[in-house]
PDB file of N, CA and C in Angstrom:
ATOM      1  N   MET A   1    -114.626   3.077  59.417  1.00  0.00           N
ATOM      2  CA  MET A   1    -114.882   3.893  60.589  1.00  0.00           C
ATOM      3  C   MET A   1    -115.876   4.986  60.229  1.00  0.00           C
ATOM      4  N   GLU A   2    -116.902   5.107  61.052  1.00  0.00           N
ATOM      5  CA  GLU A   2    -117.917   6.109  60.790  1.00  0.00           C
ATOM      6  C   GLU A   2    -117.459   7.479  61.269  1.00  0.00           C
ATOM      7  N   GLN A   3    -118.071   8.483  60.680  1.00  0.00           N
ATOM      8  CA  GLN A   3    -117.785   9.857  61.065  1.00  0.00           C
ATOM      9  C   GLN A   3    -118.170  10.052  62.531  1.00  0.00           C
ATOM     10  N   GLN A   4    -117.323  10.671  63.300  1.00  0.00           N
ATOM     11  CA  GLN A   4    -117.548  10.832  64.729  1.00  0.00           C
ATOM     12  C   GLN A   4    -118.470  12.006  65.056  1.00  0.00           C
ATOM     13  N   ILE A   5    -118.429  13.047  64.261  1.00  0.00           N
ATOM     14  CA  ILE A   5    -119.228  14.242  64.538  1.00  0.00           C
ATOM     15  C   ILE A   5    -120.270  14.394  63.436  1.00  0.00           C
ATOM     16  N   ILE A   6    -121.524  14.333  63.829  1.00  0.00           N
ATOM     17  CA  ILE A   6    -122.586  14.565  62.855  1.00  0.00           C
ATOM     18  C   ILE A   6    -123.488  15.673  63.379  1.00  0.00           C
ATOM     19  N   ARG A   7    -124.297  16.205  62.490  1.00  0.00           N
ATOM     20  CA  ARG A   7    -125.184  17.303  62.868  1.00  0.00           C
ATOM     21  C   ARG A   7    -126.228  16.837  63.869  1.00  0.00           C
ATOM     22  N   PRO A   8    -126.640  17.707  64.784  1.00  0.00           N
ATOM     23  CA  PRO A   8    -127.704  17.342  65.730  1.00  0.00           C
ATOM     24  C   PRO A   8    -128.985  16.969  64.968  1.00  0.00           C
ATOM     25  N   GLY A   9    -129.697  15.994  65.486  1.00  0.00           N
ATOM     26  CA  GLY A   9    -130.937  15.570  64.854  1.00  0.00           C
ATOM     27  C   GLY A   9    -130.735  14.557  63.749  1.00  0.00           C
ATOM     28  N   HIS A  10    -129.540  14.006  63.653  1.00  0.00           N
ATOM     29  CA  HIS A  10    -129.236  13.022  62.624  1.00  0.00           C
ATOM     30  C   HIS A  10    -128.638  11.776  63.252  1.00  0.00           C
ATOM     31  N   LEU A  11    -128.742  10.659  62.534  1.00  0.00           N
ATOM     32  CA  LEU A  11    -128.212   9.389  62.994  1.00  0.00           C
ATOM     33  C   LEU A  11    -127.258   8.820  61.956  1.00  0.00           C
ATOM     34  N   THR A  12    -126.244   8.110  62.428  1.00  0.00           N
ATOM     35  CA  THR A  12    -125.356   7.413  61.508  1.00  0.00           C
ATOM     36  C   THR A  12    -126.088   6.192  60.956  1.00  0.00           C
ATOM     37  N   ALA A  13    -125.501   5.548  59.987  1.00  0.00           N
ATOM     38  CA  ALA A  13    -126.109   4.348  59.411  1.00  0.00           C
ATOM     39  C   ALA A  13    -126.245   3.259  60.475  1.00  0.00           C
ATOM     40  N   THR A  14    -125.244   3.095  61.311  1.00  0.00           N
ATOM     41  CA  THR A  14    -125.294   2.076  62.363  1.00  0.00           C
ATOM     42  C   THR A  14    -126.405   2.372  63.358  1.00  0.00           C
ATOM     43  N   GLN A  15    -126.527   3.627  63.772  1.00  0.00           N
ATOM     44  CA  GLN A  15    -127.592   4.008  64.692  1.00  0.00           C
ATOM     45  C   GLN A  15    -128.958   3.807  64.049  1.00  0.00           C
ATOM     46  N   THR A  16    -129.066   4.133  62.767  1.00  0.00           N
ATOM     47  CA  THR A  16    -130.320   3.965  62.041  1.00  0.00           C
ATOM     48  C   THR A  16    -130.714   2.493  61.999  1.00  0.00           C
ATOM     49  N   ARG A  17    -129.751   1.625  61.728  1.00  0.00           N
ATOM     50  CA  ARG A  17    -130.022   0.189  61.681  1.00  0.00           C
ATOM     51  C   ARG A  17    -130.516  -0.309  63.027  1.00  0.00           C
ATOM     52  N   GLN A  18    -129.954   0.195  64.117  1.00  0.00           N
ATOM     53  CA  GLN A  18    -130.377  -0.212  65.455  1.00  0.00           C
ATOM     54  C   GLN A  18    -131.801   0.236  65.749  1.00  0.00           C
ATOM     55  N   VAL A  19    -132.127   1.479  65.395  1.00  0.00           N
ATOM     56  CA  VAL A  19    -133.474   2.007  65.626  1.00  0.00           C
ATOM     57  C   VAL A  19    -134.513   1.207  64.835  1.00  0.00           C
ATOM     58  N   LEU A  20    -134.131   0.756  63.663  1.00  0.00           N
ATOM     59  CA  LEU A  20    -135.059   0.009  62.810  1.00  0.00           C
ATOM     60  C   LEU A  20    -135.085  -1.481  63.149  1.00  0.00           C
ATOM     61  N   GLY A  21    -134.588  -1.847  64.307  1.00  0.00           N
ATOM     62  CA  GLY A  21    -134.706  -3.224  64.758  1.00  0.00           C
ATOM     63  C   GLY A  21    -133.519  -4.100  64.444  1.00  0.00           C
ATOM     64  N   GLY A  22    -132.354  -3.512  64.308  1.00  0.00           N
ATOM     65  CA  GLY A  22    -131.159  -4.307  64.050  1.00  0.00           C
ATOM     66  C   GLY A  22    -131.100  -4.893  62.658  1.00  0.00           C
ATOM     67  N   ILE A  23    -131.592  -4.146  61.674  1.00  0.00           N
ATOM     68  CA  ILE A  23    -131.571  -4.633  60.296  1.00  0.00           C
ATOM     69  C   ILE A  23    -130.136  -4.654  59.768  1.00  0.00           C
ATOM     70  N   SER A  24    -129.922  -5.375  58.702  1.00  0.00           N
ATOM     71  CA  SER A  24    -128.584  -5.459  58.105  1.00  0.00           C
ATOM     72  C   SER A  24    -128.274  -4.209  57.291  1.00  0.00           C
ATOM     73  N   ALA A  25    -127.005  -4.063  56.944  1.00  0.00           N
ATOM     74  CA  ALA A  25    -126.590  -2.933  56.114  1.00  0.00           C
ATOM     75  C   ALA A  25    -127.262  -3.026  54.740  1.00  0.00           C
ATOM     76  N   GLY A  26    -127.402  -4.225  54.219  1.00  0.00           N
ATOM     77  CA  GLY A  26    -128.062  -4.417  52.926  1.00  0.00           C
ATOM     78  C   GLY A  26    -129.527  -4.025  52.973  1.00  0.00           C
ATOM     79  N   ALA A  27    -130.184  -4.335  54.083  1.00  0.00           N
ATOM     80  CA  ALA A  27    -131.597  -3.959  54.231  1.00  0.00           C
ATOM     81  C   ALA A  27    -131.743  -2.434  54.284  1.00  0.00           C
ATOM     82  N   LEU A  28    -130.804  -1.779  54.944  1.00  0.00           N
ATOM     83  CA  LEU A  28    -130.832  -0.313  54.996  1.00  0.00           C
ATOM     84  C   LEU A  28    -130.640   0.271  53.598  1.00  0.00           C
ATOM     85  N   ARG A  29    -129.700  -0.284  52.839  1.00  0.00           N
ATOM     86  CA  ARG A  29    -129.495   0.183  51.465  1.00  0.00           C
ATOM     87  C   ARG A  29    -130.755  -0.003  50.628  1.00  0.00           C
ATOM     88  N   GLN A  30    -131.463  -1.107  50.833  1.00  0.00           N
ATOM     89  CA  GLN A  30    -132.700  -1.354  50.085  1.00  0.00           C
ATOM     90  C   GLN A  30    -133.777  -0.337  50.448  1.00  0.00           C
ATOM     91  N   LEU A  31    -133.865   0.046  51.716  1.00  0.00           N
ATOM     92  CA  LEU A  31    -134.833   1.073  52.120  1.00  0.00           C
ATOM     93  C   LEU A  31    -134.548   2.396  51.408  1.00  0.00           C
ATOM     94  N   VAL A  32    -133.267   2.730  51.279  1.00  0.00           N
ATOM     95  CA  VAL A  32    -132.880   3.957  50.576  1.00  0.00           C
ATOM     96  C   VAL A  32    -133.184   3.814  49.095  1.00  0.00           C
ATOM     97  N   TYR A  33    -132.825   2.682  48.511  1.00  0.00           N
ATOM     98  CA  TYR A  33    -133.040   2.441  47.080  1.00  0.00           C
ATOM     99  C   TYR A  33    -134.520   2.501  46.724  1.00  0.00           C
ATOM    100  N   ARG A  34    -135.370   1.970  47.586  1.00  0.00           N
ATOM    101  CA  ARG A  34    -136.820   1.944  47.331  1.00  0.00           C
ATOM    102  C   ARG A  34    -137.504   3.266  47.661  1.00  0.00           C
ATOM    103  N   GLY A  35    -136.772   4.211  48.220  1.00  0.00           N
ATOM    104  CA  GLY A  35    -137.332   5.519  48.507  1.00  0.00           C
ATOM    105  C   GLY A  35    -138.078   5.597  49.825  1.00  0.00           C
ATOM    106  N   GLN A  36    -137.946   4.600  50.676  1.00  0.00           N
ATOM    107  CA  GLN A  36    -138.624   4.621  51.966  1.00  0.00           C
ATOM    108  C   GLN A  36    -137.869   5.451  52.999  1.00  0.00           C
ATOM    109  N   LEU A  37    -136.585   5.695  52.735  1.00  0.00           N
ATOM    110  CA  LEU A  37    -135.748   6.485  53.629  1.00  0.00           C
ATOM    111  C   LEU A  37    -134.756   7.263  52.781  1.00  0.00           C
ATOM    112  N   GLU A  38    -134.528   8.520  53.154  1.00  0.00           N
ATOM    113  CA  GLU A  38    -133.609   9.376  52.390  1.00  0.00           C
ATOM    114  C   GLU A  38    -132.385   9.718  53.201  1.00  0.00           C
ATOM    115  N   ARG A  39    -131.248   9.709  52.564  1.00  0.00           N
ATOM    116  CA  ARG A  39    -130.035  10.192  53.211  1.00  0.00           C
ATOM    117  C   ARG A  39    -130.157  11.702  53.393  1.00  0.00           C
ATOM    118  N   SER A  40    -129.649  12.193  54.489  1.00  0.00           N
ATOM    119  CA  SER A  40    -129.731  13.640  54.690  1.00  0.00           C
ATOM    120  C   SER A  40    -128.356  14.283  54.788  1.00  0.00           C
ATOM    121  N   GLY A  41    -127.322  13.514  54.522  1.00  0.00           N
ATOM    122  CA  GLY A  41    -125.988  14.083  54.551  1.00  0.00           C
ATOM    123  C   GLY A  41    -124.942  13.001  54.636  1.00  0.00           C
ATOM    124  N   GLY A  42    -123.756  13.419  54.994  1.00  0.00           N
ATOM    125  CA  GLY A  42    -122.643  12.483  55.068  1.00  0.00           C
ATOM    126  C   GLY A  42    -122.055  12.240  53.695  1.00  0.00           C
ATOM    127  N   THR A  43    -121.460  11.080  53.526  1.00  0.00           N
ATOM    128  CA  THR A  43    -120.875  10.707  52.245  1.00  0.00           C
ATOM    129  C   THR A  43    -121.590   9.462  51.731  1.00  0.00           C
ATOM    130  N   GLU A  44    -121.231   9.054  50.536  1.00  0.00           N
ATOM    131  CA  GLU A  44    -121.824   7.848  49.974  1.00  0.00           C
ATOM    132  C   GLU A  44    -121.505   6.635  50.841  1.00  0.00           C
ATOM    133  N   ARG A  45    -120.298   6.598  51.346  1.00  0.00           N
ATOM    134  CA  ARG A  45    -119.876   5.464  52.157  1.00  0.00           C
ATOM    135  C   ARG A  45    -120.361   5.560  53.604  1.00  0.00           C
ATOM    136  N   PHE A  46    -120.437   6.767  54.146  1.00  0.00           N
ATOM    137  CA  PHE A  46    -120.857   6.975  55.527  1.00  0.00           C
ATOM    138  C   PHE A  46    -122.016   7.982  55.578  1.00  0.00           C
ATOM    139  N   PRO A  47    -123.202   7.556  55.154  1.00  0.00           N
ATOM    140  CA  PRO A  47    -124.345   8.482  55.151  1.00  0.00           C
ATOM    141  C   PRO A  47    -124.907   8.674  56.554  1.00  0.00           C
ATOM    142  N   TYR A  48    -125.655   9.750  56.717  1.00  0.00           N
ATOM    143  CA  TYR A  48    -126.468   9.858  57.906  1.00  0.00           C
ATOM    144  C   TYR A  48    -127.870  10.257  57.521  1.00  0.00           C
ATOM    145  N   PHE A  49    -128.784  10.025  58.457  1.00  0.00           N
ATOM    146  CA  PHE A  49    -130.205  10.129  58.185  1.00  0.00           C
ATOM    147  C   PHE A  49    -130.858  11.010  59.236  1.00  0.00           C
ATOM    148  N   ALA A  50    -131.912  11.729  58.854  1.00  0.00           N
ATOM    149  CA  ALA A  50    -132.644  12.585  59.789  1.00  0.00           C
ATOM    150  C   ALA A  50    -133.343  11.705  60.822  1.00  0.00           C
ATOM    151  N   ALA A  51    -133.161  12.024  62.090  1.00  0.00           N
ATOM    152  CA  ALA A  51    -133.736  11.226  63.173  1.00  0.00           C
ATOM    153  C   ALA A  51    -135.258  11.164  63.070  1.00  0.00           C
ATOM    154  N   ALA A  52    -135.896  12.257  62.663  1.00  0.00           N
ATOM    155  CA  ALA A  52    -137.351  12.277  62.541  1.00  0.00           C
ATOM    156  C   ALA A  52    -137.828  11.296  61.461  1.00  0.00           C
ATOM    157  N   ASP A  53    -137.107  11.230  60.338  1.00  0.00           N
ATOM    158  CA  ASP A  53    -137.465  10.297  59.270  1.00  0.00           C
ATOM    159  C   ASP A  53    -137.297   8.850  59.716  1.00  0.00           C
ATOM    160  N   VAL A  54    -136.222   8.588  60.437  1.00  0.00           N
ATOM    161  CA  VAL A  54    -135.961   7.228  60.914  1.00  0.00           C
ATOM    162  C   VAL A  54    -137.027   6.807  61.919  1.00  0.00           C
ATOM    163  N   THR A  55    -137.375   7.715  62.821  1.00  0.00           N
ATOM    164  CA  THR A  55    -138.397   7.413  63.820  1.00  0.00           C
ATOM    165  C   THR A  55    -139.748   7.146  63.157  1.00  0.00           C
ATOM    166  N   ALA A  56    -140.102   7.966  62.178  1.00  0.00           N
ATOM    167  CA  ALA A  56    -141.373   7.767  61.473  1.00  0.00           C
ATOM    168  C   ALA A  56    -141.398   6.410  60.766  1.00  0.00           C
ATOM    169  N   LEU A  57    -140.295   6.032  60.155  1.00  0.00           N
ATOM    170  CA  LEU A  57    -140.227   4.735  59.481  1.00  0.00           C
ATOM    171  C   LEU A  57    -140.296   3.597  60.494  1.00  0.00           C
ATOM    172  N   ALA A  58    -139.647   3.749  61.636  1.00  0.00           N
ATOM    173  CA  ALA A  58    -139.685   2.712  62.679  1.00  0.00           C
ATOM    174  C   ALA A  58    -141.104   2.515  63.194  1.00  0.00           C
ATOM    175  N   VAL A  59    -141.839   3.607  63.393  1.00  0.00           N
ATOM    176  CA  VAL A  59    -143.230   3.525  63.845  1.00  0.00           C
ATOM    177  C   VAL A  59    -144.085   2.837  62.783  1.00  0.00           C
ATOM    178  N   LYS A  60    -143.901   3.208  61.541  1.00  0.00           N
ATOM    179  CA  LYS A  60    -144.655   2.600  60.436  1.00  0.00           C
ATOM    180  C   LYS A  60    -144.399   1.100  60.367  1.00  0.00           C
ATOM    181  N   ARG A  61    -143.126   0.702  60.504  1.00  0.00           N
ATOM    182  CA  ARG A  61    -142.786  -0.727  60.461  1.00  0.00           C
ATOM    183  C   ARG A  61    -143.374  -1.471  61.644  1.00  0.00           C
ATOM    184  N   ALA A  62    -143.369  -0.841  62.842  1.00  0.00           N
ATOM    185  CA  ALA A  62    -143.920  -1.470  64.038  1.00  0.00           C
ATOM    186  C   ALA A  62    -145.437  -1.654  63.912  1.00  0.00           C
ATOM    187  N   GLU A  63    -146.107  -0.652  63.342  1.00  0.00           N
ATOM    188  CA  GLU A  63    -147.556  -0.756  63.149  1.00  0.00           C
ATOM    189  C   GLU A  63    -147.899  -1.881  62.184  1.00  0.00           C
ATOM    190  N   ARG A  64    -147.088  -2.010  61.143  1.00  0.00           N
ATOM    191  CA  ARG A  64    -147.331  -3.060  60.140  1.00  0.00           C
ATOM    192  C   ARG A  64    -147.132  -4.445  60.765  1.00  0.00           C
ATOM    193  N   GLN A  65    -146.129  -4.590  61.626  1.00  0.00           N
ATOM    194  CA  GLN A  65    -145.872  -5.882  62.270  1.00  0.00           C
ATOM    195  C   GLN A  65    -146.927  -6.225  63.291  1.00  0.00           C
ATOM    196  N   ALA A  66    -147.498  -5.197  63.957  1.00  0.00           N
ATOM    197  CA  ALA A  66    -148.527  -5.427  64.979  1.00  0.00           C
ATOM    198  C   ALA A  66    -149.862  -5.801  64.365  1.00  0.00           C
ATOM    199  N   ALA A  67    -150.102  -5.375  63.148  1.00  0.00           N
ATOM    200  CA  ALA A  67    -151.412  -5.625  62.522  1.00  0.00           C
ATOM    201  C   ALA A  67    -151.564  -7.032  62.013  1.00  0.00           C
TER     202      ALA A  67
END
């Protein structure tokens, strides 16, 4: 169960996966491992991410797919 209350301007891991196109949990972990996305809080098991960082990564991925 994910944390119900998070800081404004942040997304849970599930929300982040949805914004990034419905990627798997493993794909999200790989993005963090490769340094393309940083956790901004939460716990190791239930991290959350800055909405601005997630949006920037989503735009970057969309541009790469369109090209």
